[in-house]
Amino acid sequence: MRLPGGRLMRVSGRSMQPALKAGDLIFVDTRALVKRLPKRGEVIAAQLPSGNRWIIKRLAGLPKDCLTVDGKSFQLKEDDYFLLGDSSIESTDSRSFGPVGRKALLGVVTQRVWPFSRIATECSAGPALSENS
């Protein structure tokens, strides 16, 4: 669902556990990346290279980074971003489909809005969304 300044998206799958669980409703700030570059550690909504669906992953690699993940090296180009799920066993991410370009990034996940018992805001560099007290 599109809203002013963003979009509501439902999480499917277990690739972002423990930060996000299947069924969580999140707000993606689509304006965040208009004025600035994405930051390592942010949770990002991006379009799969195949273009057929959106994914939610953590930004692990920035342009021109050289990464080694699971014993495999990745040299990112000028416009490449490397996305990883928090639960590596459950995640289909840049390890399998490769880096994504800047244009594939929809926005930054800034809030979990459902379920109400787990409403939270994004920790920019943390491994999970922080719980509101």
N, C-alpha and C. Protein backbone atom coordinates (compact mmCIF):
# COMPACT_ATOMS: atom_id res chain seq x y z
N MET A 1 0.84 -1.16 0.00
CA MET A 1 0.00 0.00 0.00
C MET A 1 0.90 1.24 0.00
N ARG A 2 0.65 2.15 -0.93
CA ARG A 2 1.43 3.38 -1.01
C ARG A 2 0.82 4.44 -0.11
N LEU A 3 1.69 5.16 0.58
CA LEU A 3 1.31 6.25 1.47
C LEU A 3 2.19 7.45 1.13
N PRO A 4 1.81 8.65 1.57
CA PRO A 4 2.70 9.79 1.34
C PRO A 4 4.08 9.52 1.95
N GLY A 5 5.10 9.56 1.13
CA GLY A 5 6.46 9.37 1.61
C GLY A 5 6.91 7.95 1.76
N GLY A 6 6.04 7.01 1.45
CA GLY A 6 6.48 5.64 1.63
C GLY A 6 5.48 4.61 1.19
N ARG A 7 5.70 3.42 1.69
CA ARG A 7 4.87 2.29 1.31
C ARG A 7 4.83 1.30 2.46
N LEU A 8 3.67 0.71 2.69
CA LEU A 8 3.54 -0.38 3.65
C LEU A 8 3.78 -1.69 2.92
N MET A 9 4.59 -2.54 3.51
CA MET A 9 4.88 -3.84 2.92
C MET A 9 4.78 -4.91 4.00
N ARG A 10 4.33 -6.10 3.60
CA ARG A 10 4.25 -7.23 4.52
C ARG A 10 5.46 -8.13 4.30
N VAL A 11 6.09 -8.53 5.39
CA VAL A 11 7.26 -9.41 5.33
C VAL A 11 6.78 -10.83 5.08
N SER A 12 7.43 -11.50 4.13
CA SER A 12 7.14 -12.92 3.90
C SER A 12 8.44 -13.69 4.10
N GLY A 13 8.35 -14.85 4.63
CA GLY A 13 9.53 -15.67 4.84
C GLY A 13 10.26 -15.35 6.13
N ARG A 14 11.35 -16.11 6.35
CA ARG A 14 12.08 -16.01 7.62
C ARG A 14 13.49 -15.44 7.45
N SER A 15 13.81 -14.89 6.29
CA SER A 15 15.19 -14.47 6.01
C SER A 15 15.67 -13.30 6.86
N MET A 16 14.76 -12.52 7.44
CA MET A 16 15.18 -11.35 8.23
C MET A 16 14.98 -11.56 9.73
N GLN A 17 14.72 -12.79 10.16
CA GLN A 17 14.61 -13.05 11.59
C GLN A 17 15.98 -12.93 12.24
N PRO A 18 16.07 -12.40 13.41
CA PRO A 18 15.01 -12.06 14.35
C PRO A 18 14.46 -10.65 14.19
N ALA A 19 15.07 -9.81 13.35
CA ALA A 19 14.62 -8.41 13.23
C ALA A 19 13.18 -8.31 12.74
N LEU A 20 12.87 -9.05 11.71
CA LEU A 20 11.53 -9.03 11.12
C LEU A 20 11.05 -10.46 10.95
N LYS A 21 9.77 -10.66 11.23
CA LYS A 21 9.19 -11.99 11.12
C LYS A 21 8.13 -12.01 10.04
N ALA A 22 7.86 -13.19 9.50
CA ALA A 22 6.82 -13.35 8.49
C ALA A 22 5.51 -12.78 9.04
N GLY A 23 4.85 -11.98 8.24
CA GLY A 23 3.59 -11.36 8.64
C GLY A 23 3.74 -9.96 9.19
N ASP A 24 4.95 -9.56 9.59
CA ASP A 24 5.15 -8.19 10.07
C ASP A 24 4.79 -7.20 8.96
N LEU A 25 4.18 -6.10 9.35
CA LEU A 25 3.87 -5.02 8.42
C LEU A 25 4.88 -3.91 8.69
N ILE A 26 5.58 -3.47 7.65
CA ILE A 26 6.65 -2.48 7.82
C ILE A 26 6.38 -1.26 6.96
N PHE A 27 6.94 -0.13 7.39
CA PHE A 27 6.88 1.09 6.59
C PHE A 27 8.22 1.29 5.93
N VAL A 28 8.21 1.45 4.60
CA VAL A 28 9.42 1.71 3.83
C VAL A 28 9.40 3.17 3.41
N ASP A 29 10.39 3.93 3.88
CA ASP A 29 10.51 5.35 3.52
C ASP A 29 11.13 5.44 2.14
N THR A 30 10.30 5.74 1.14
CA THR A 30 10.78 5.80 -0.24
C THR A 30 11.46 7.13 -0.55
N ARG A 31 11.39 8.08 0.35
CA ARG A 31 12.07 9.37 0.14
C ARG A 31 13.48 9.37 0.71
N ALA A 32 13.78 8.43 1.58
CA ALA A 32 15.06 8.43 2.30
C ALA A 32 16.27 8.43 1.37
N LEU A 33 16.18 7.67 0.29
CA LEU A 33 17.35 7.53 -0.58
C LEU A 33 17.36 8.52 -1.74
N VAL A 34 16.43 9.47 -1.72
CA VAL A 34 16.42 10.51 -2.75
C VAL A 34 17.50 11.54 -2.45
N LYS A 35 17.66 11.87 -1.18
CA LYS A 35 18.59 12.93 -0.78
C LYS A 35 19.93 12.43 -0.26
N ARG A 36 20.04 11.12 -0.06
CA ARG A 36 21.29 10.59 0.50
C ARG A 36 21.55 9.18 -0.01
N LEU A 37 22.77 8.74 0.20
CA LEU A 37 23.14 7.38 -0.18
C LEU A 37 22.74 6.41 0.93
N PRO A 38 22.46 5.16 0.58
CA PRO A 38 22.15 4.17 1.61
C PRO A 38 23.37 3.91 2.50
N LYS A 39 23.10 3.50 3.73
CA LYS A 39 24.17 3.24 4.70
C LYS A 39 24.25 1.75 5.01
N ARG A 40 25.47 1.28 5.19
CA ARG A 40 25.69 -0.11 5.57
C ARG A 40 24.93 -0.39 6.87
N GLY A 41 24.25 -1.52 6.92
CA GLY A 41 23.51 -1.91 8.11
C GLY A 41 22.04 -1.58 8.05
N GLU A 42 21.63 -0.70 7.14
CA GLU A 42 20.21 -0.36 7.03
C GLU A 42 19.44 -1.53 6.42
N VAL A 43 18.17 -1.64 6.83
CA VAL A 43 17.29 -2.62 6.23
C VAL A 43 16.62 -1.93 5.05
N ILE A 44 16.73 -2.56 3.89
CA ILE A 44 16.35 -1.95 2.62
C ILE A 44 15.28 -2.79 1.93
N ALA A 45 14.36 -2.12 1.25
CA ALA A 45 13.46 -2.80 0.32
C ALA A 45 14.05 -2.61 -1.07
N ALA A 46 14.18 -3.70 -1.81
CA ALA A 46 14.78 -3.64 -3.14
C ALA A 46 14.04 -4.58 -4.09
N GLN A 47 14.17 -4.28 -5.36
CA GLN A 47 13.58 -5.14 -6.37
C GLN A 47 14.60 -6.21 -6.77
N LEU A 48 14.13 -7.44 -6.86
CA LEU A 48 15.00 -8.52 -7.33
C LEU A 48 15.50 -8.21 -8.73
N PRO A 49 16.71 -8.66 -9.07
CA PRO A 49 17.23 -8.43 -10.42
C PRO A 49 16.29 -8.92 -11.52
N SER A 50 15.52 -9.97 -11.24
CA SER A 50 14.56 -10.47 -12.23
C SER A 50 13.39 -9.50 -12.42
N GLY A 51 13.23 -8.57 -11.46
CA GLY A 51 12.18 -7.56 -11.55
C GLY A 51 10.79 -8.04 -11.19
N ASN A 52 10.67 -9.28 -10.71
CA ASN A 52 9.34 -9.83 -10.47
C ASN A 52 8.82 -9.68 -9.04
N ARG A 53 9.65 -9.21 -8.11
CA ARG A 53 9.13 -9.01 -6.75
C ARG A 53 10.10 -8.18 -5.92
N TRP A 54 9.56 -7.69 -4.78
CA TRP A 54 10.34 -6.88 -3.84
C TRP A 54 10.86 -7.76 -2.73
N ILE A 55 12.03 -7.43 -2.21
CA ILE A 55 12.62 -8.16 -1.10
C ILE A 55 13.03 -7.18 -0.01
N ILE A 56 13.14 -7.69 1.21
CA ILE A 56 13.60 -6.91 2.35
C ILE A 56 14.89 -7.56 2.84
N LYS A 57 15.99 -6.81 2.81
CA LYS A 57 17.29 -7.35 3.22
C LYS A 57 18.11 -6.24 3.89
N ARG A 58 19.19 -6.65 4.56
CA ARG A 58 20.10 -5.70 5.19
C ARG A 58 21.21 -5.36 4.21
N LEU A 59 21.56 -4.08 4.14
CA LEU A 59 22.62 -3.62 3.25
C LEU A 59 23.97 -3.95 3.87
N ALA A 60 24.70 -4.86 3.23
CA ALA A 60 25.98 -5.34 3.77
C ALA A 60 27.18 -4.79 3.01
N GLY A 61 26.99 -4.45 1.74
CA GLY A 61 28.12 -3.98 0.94
C GLY A 61 27.75 -2.76 0.13
N LEU A 62 28.69 -1.81 0.09
CA LEU A 62 28.51 -0.55 -0.63
C LEU A 62 29.36 -0.54 -1.90
N PRO A 63 29.09 0.39 -2.82
CA PRO A 63 29.87 0.45 -4.05
C PRO A 63 31.38 0.43 -3.79
N LYS A 64 32.07 -0.34 -4.61
CA LYS A 64 33.52 -0.51 -4.61
C LYS A 64 34.06 -1.32 -3.43
N ASP A 65 33.17 -1.87 -2.59
CA ASP A 65 33.62 -2.76 -1.51
C ASP A 65 34.12 -4.07 -2.10
N CYS A 66 35.01 -4.70 -1.37
CA CYS A 66 35.43 -6.08 -1.66
C CYS A 66 35.00 -6.90 -0.45
N LEU A 67 34.09 -7.83 -0.65
CA LEU A 67 33.53 -8.63 0.44
C LEU A 67 33.88 -10.10 0.27
N THR A 68 34.04 -10.78 1.37
CA THR A 68 34.13 -12.24 1.36
C THR A 68 33.01 -12.75 2.24
N VAL A 69 32.10 -13.49 1.63
CA VAL A 69 30.94 -14.04 2.33
C VAL A 69 30.88 -15.53 2.05
N ASP A 70 30.86 -16.32 3.11
CA ASP A 70 30.83 -17.79 2.99
C ASP A 70 31.96 -18.30 2.10
N GLY A 71 33.15 -17.69 2.23
CA GLY A 71 34.32 -18.12 1.47
C GLY A 71 34.36 -17.67 0.03
N LYS A 72 33.37 -16.91 -0.41
CA LYS A 72 33.33 -16.42 -1.79
C LYS A 72 33.55 -14.92 -1.80
N SER A 73 34.41 -14.44 -2.70
CA SER A 73 34.72 -13.01 -2.78
C SER A 73 33.83 -12.31 -3.80
N PHE A 74 33.44 -11.09 -3.44
CA PHE A 74 32.62 -10.25 -4.32
C PHE A 74 33.28 -8.88 -4.41
N GLN A 75 33.57 -8.43 -5.61
CA GLN A 75 34.09 -7.08 -5.83
C GLN A 75 32.95 -6.26 -6.39
N LEU A 76 32.49 -5.29 -5.61
CA LEU A 76 31.35 -4.48 -6.04
C LEU A 76 31.80 -3.34 -6.95
N LYS A 77 31.00 -3.08 -7.96
CA LYS A 77 31.28 -2.00 -8.91
C LYS A 77 30.74 -0.68 -8.35
N GLU A 78 30.89 0.36 -9.12
CA GLU A 78 30.54 1.71 -8.68
C GLU A 78 29.08 1.88 -8.27
N ASP A 79 28.18 1.12 -8.86
CA ASP A 79 26.75 1.27 -8.58
C ASP A 79 26.17 0.04 -7.87
N ASP A 80 27.01 -0.85 -7.34
CA ASP A 80 26.56 -2.11 -6.76
C ASP A 80 26.34 -2.03 -5.25
N TYR A 81 25.29 -2.72 -4.81
CA TYR A 81 24.99 -2.87 -3.38
C TYR A 81 24.78 -4.34 -3.11
N PHE A 82 25.31 -4.80 -1.96
CA PHE A 82 25.23 -6.21 -1.59
C PHE A 82 24.25 -6.36 -0.45
N LEU A 83 23.22 -7.17 -0.63
CA LEU A 83 22.14 -7.35 0.34
C LEU A 83 22.20 -8.75 0.94
N LEU A 84 22.05 -8.81 2.26
CA LEU A 84 22.03 -10.10 2.97
C LEU A 84 20.84 -10.17 3.91
N GLY A 85 20.27 -11.36 4.05
CA GLY A 85 19.26 -11.59 5.06
C GLY A 85 19.94 -11.80 6.41
N ASP A 86 19.25 -11.45 7.49
CA ASP A 86 19.82 -11.64 8.83
C ASP A 86 19.96 -13.13 9.17
N SER A 87 19.08 -13.95 8.64
CA SER A 87 19.14 -15.39 8.85
C SER A 87 19.73 -16.02 7.58
N SER A 88 21.04 -16.18 7.56
CA SER A 88 21.71 -16.59 6.33
C SER A 88 21.24 -17.95 5.80
N ILE A 89 20.84 -18.83 6.68
CA ILE A 89 20.39 -20.16 6.26
C ILE A 89 19.06 -20.06 5.50
N GLU A 90 18.22 -19.12 5.90
CA GLU A 90 16.88 -18.98 5.32
C GLU A 90 16.82 -17.99 4.16
N SER A 91 17.92 -17.31 3.85
CA SER A 91 17.87 -16.17 2.95
C SER A 91 18.36 -16.45 1.53
N THR A 92 17.57 -15.98 0.56
CA THR A 92 18.02 -15.87 -0.82
C THR A 92 18.37 -14.40 -0.98
N ASP A 93 19.65 -14.12 -1.19
CA ASP A 93 20.12 -12.74 -1.20
C ASP A 93 21.24 -12.56 -2.21
N SER A 94 22.05 -11.54 -2.05
CA SER A 94 23.10 -11.25 -3.03
C SER A 94 24.12 -12.38 -3.17
N ARG A 95 24.18 -13.28 -2.21
CA ARG A 95 25.06 -14.44 -2.37
C ARG A 95 24.61 -15.30 -3.54
N SER A 96 23.30 -15.32 -3.80
CA SER A 96 22.79 -16.15 -4.90
C SER A 96 22.47 -15.35 -6.16
N PHE A 97 21.90 -14.15 -6.04
CA PHE A 97 21.53 -13.39 -7.24
C PHE A 97 22.50 -12.27 -7.56
N GLY A 98 23.53 -12.07 -6.72
CA GLY A 98 24.54 -11.05 -6.99
C GLY A 98 24.13 -9.68 -6.47
N PRO A 99 25.01 -8.70 -6.65
CA PRO A 99 24.72 -7.35 -6.19
C PRO A 99 23.55 -6.75 -6.98
N VAL A 100 22.94 -5.72 -6.39
CA VAL A 100 21.87 -4.99 -7.09
C VAL A 100 22.34 -3.56 -7.33
N GLY A 101 21.80 -2.95 -8.36
CA GLY A 101 22.13 -1.57 -8.68
C GLY A 101 21.34 -0.59 -7.83
N ARG A 102 21.79 0.64 -7.80
CA ARG A 102 21.15 1.70 -7.01
C ARG A 102 19.68 1.87 -7.36
N LYS A 103 19.34 1.74 -8.64
CA LYS A 103 17.95 1.93 -9.08
C LYS A 103 17.02 0.84 -8.55
N ALA A 104 17.57 -0.28 -8.11
CA ALA A 104 16.74 -1.38 -7.57
C ALA A 104 16.32 -1.12 -6.13
N LEU A 105 16.94 -0.14 -5.46
CA LEU A 105 16.64 0.14 -4.06
C LEU A 105 15.40 1.02 -3.96
N LEU A 106 14.34 0.50 -3.33
CA LEU A 106 13.09 1.25 -3.18
C LEU A 106 13.17 2.25 -2.04
N GLY A 107 13.71 1.82 -0.90
CA GLY A 107 13.76 2.70 0.26
C GLY A 107 14.27 1.98 1.49
N VAL A 108 14.22 2.70 2.60
CA VAL A 108 14.73 2.21 3.88
C VAL A 108 13.56 1.83 4.78
N VAL A 109 13.65 0.66 5.39
CA VAL A 109 12.64 0.24 6.36
C VAL A 109 12.86 1.06 7.62
N THR A 110 11.86 1.84 8.01
CA THR A 110 12.01 2.71 9.18
C THR A 110 11.18 2.29 10.37
N GLN A 111 10.11 1.52 10.14
CA GLN A 111 9.26 1.11 11.26
C GLN A 111 8.58 -0.21 10.98
N ARG A 112 8.39 -0.95 12.05
CA ARG A 112 7.47 -2.09 12.01
C ARG A 112 6.18 -1.55 12.61
N VAL A 113 5.08 -1.67 11.89
CA VAL A 113 3.82 -1.10 12.36
C VAL A 113 2.80 -2.15 12.79
N TRP A 114 3.08 -3.42 12.52
CA TRP A 114 2.19 -4.50 12.93
C TRP A 114 3.02 -5.75 13.13
N PRO A 115 2.79 -6.55 14.11
CA PRO A 115 1.73 -6.44 15.11
C PRO A 115 2.04 -5.36 16.14
N PHE A 116 0.98 -4.83 16.73
CA PHE A 116 1.13 -3.74 17.69
C PHE A 116 2.04 -4.10 18.85
N SER A 117 2.05 -5.37 19.23
CA SER A 117 2.89 -5.79 20.36
C SER A 117 4.38 -5.71 20.04
N ARG A 118 4.72 -5.55 18.76
CA ARG A 118 6.13 -5.49 18.35
C ARG A 118 6.45 -4.23 17.57
N ILE A 119 5.66 -3.16 17.73
CA ILE A 119 5.94 -1.92 17.01
C ILE A 119 7.34 -1.46 17.38
N ALA A 120 8.12 -1.09 16.37
CA ALA A 120 9.51 -0.72 16.60
C ALA A 120 9.98 0.26 15.55
N THR A 121 11.09 0.93 15.85
CA THR A 121 11.74 1.80 14.88
C THR A 121 13.11 1.23 14.54
N GLU A 122 13.64 1.61 13.40
CA GLU A 122 14.90 1.08 12.88
C GLU A 122 16.09 1.55 13.69
N CYS A 123 17.00 0.63 13.97
CA CYS A 123 18.33 0.96 14.48
C CYS A 123 19.25 0.97 13.27
N SER A 124 19.86 2.09 12.96
CA SER A 124 20.59 2.21 11.70
C SER A 124 21.69 1.19 11.52
N ALA A 125 22.41 0.84 12.57
CA ALA A 125 23.52 -0.09 12.39
C ALA A 125 23.31 -1.40 13.16
N GLY A 126 22.23 -1.51 13.89
CA GLY A 126 22.03 -2.70 14.72
C GLY A 126 21.54 -3.87 13.93
N PRO A 127 21.64 -5.06 14.50
CA PRO A 127 21.20 -6.26 13.80
C PRO A 127 19.70 -6.45 13.79
N ALA A 128 18.98 -5.66 14.56
CA ALA A 128 17.53 -5.86 14.64
C ALA A 128 16.84 -4.54 14.88
N LEU A 129 15.56 -4.53 14.72
CA LEU A 129 14.77 -3.35 15.05
C LEU A 129 14.64 -3.30 16.57
N SER A 130 14.74 -2.11 17.12
CA SER A 130 14.65 -1.98 18.58
C SER A 130 13.20 -1.93 19.00
N GLU A 131 12.90 -2.58 20.08
CA GLU A 131 11.54 -2.60 20.61
C GLU A 131 11.25 -1.31 21.36
N ASN A 132 10.07 -0.74 21.12
CA ASN A 132 9.65 0.44 21.90
C ASN A 132 9.11 -0.03 23.24
N SER A 133 9.43 0.69 24.29
CA SER A 133 8.93 0.31 25.62
C SER A 133 7.64 1.03 25.90
